[in-house]
Amino acid sequence: MKKNVIQIVILCLSVMSIVCSCGEKKSLTIKKGVYWLADTDTSITLGDNNTLTVHGYDFKKLEEEAYENFMIRMEQANMPEGEKISDERIKQIKDGVDLTKQFLDKTVNYETQDEDGVIGIYVPVNNSELFFYVQYFPNNESLVFNEHIFKRKDK
């Protein structure tokens, strides 16, 4: 009887280890190279040692809408009721965030995060608590940045 119990326990442990190992997620990896925005000279290069370089992208609209205006709204929301953010502080926020200066033709380091079949690429934006964010799709070797799709290919 004791021998049967031990065999059943061993069988259960074996089945559990097989089931658990089958359910493990495969580690996602980023394919290094140059990713191009269709019909443009705009590209994002993912290099060795988790580096990223953006070429030929106009950051002005993104900088204003996604970063400066967001930071201004958040600061205003955290002020006591009835108080308004000063024009001087608005200027300071706008002058502090310069995506073109930080990212255009500059090689920067990034961190990654697995996000349900894609990889999130994060770079802190200077003078803010926000991140520059790109998604990598390993299934079709593409990047999505600011609603634009960049495909890996030789140009």
Foldseek 3Di string as FASTA:
>chain_A
DVVVVVVVVVVVVVVVVVVVVVPDDDDDDADFAWWAFPPDPWIWGQDPPQKIATEDDDCVVVCVPVPLVVVLVVVQVPDPPPDHDDPVVSVVSSVFFDCCVVHYRDIDHWDWDDDPQKIWTWDDTGPDRDTQIWIAHVVQGWIAHPNTITHGDDD
